[in-house]
């Protein structure tokens, strides 16, 4: 997922089921906002977000100080993960159902899983003051 200078969010065309049979006609969808992305979720996009995009998304605050940016980023990512997982529950997709069942089996709390995943995979911060 990348964001250009205008703020439009682009999903990579070389990943997931986009451009293949059952995909989105050969090109990945573009969204101008996170809300636009989350209101247009389908099974392919949920799968792509949960397995490719979100686990590989890295946010670095090179001067984190009090951590305000990282806390705001975490809240946004919690919203994104929660919406994608919640939508995935309502889609009748075998792969997503299996993925969610595995998550629920391995983790007693979905909220804990989401927060742990974000902290472990997505957020990084450094500062000169220890």
Foldseek 3Di string as FASTA:
>chain_A
DDADPQQKDADDQVDFCACHVVHDVHGGDIGNDLVRVLVPDDPRSLCCCVPPNVLQAADEDAACVVNPVVVVVLVVQLVSNVSSLVVLVVHPDPVSVVVVVVVVVVDVDPSVVSSVSCVVRYYYYDHPPD
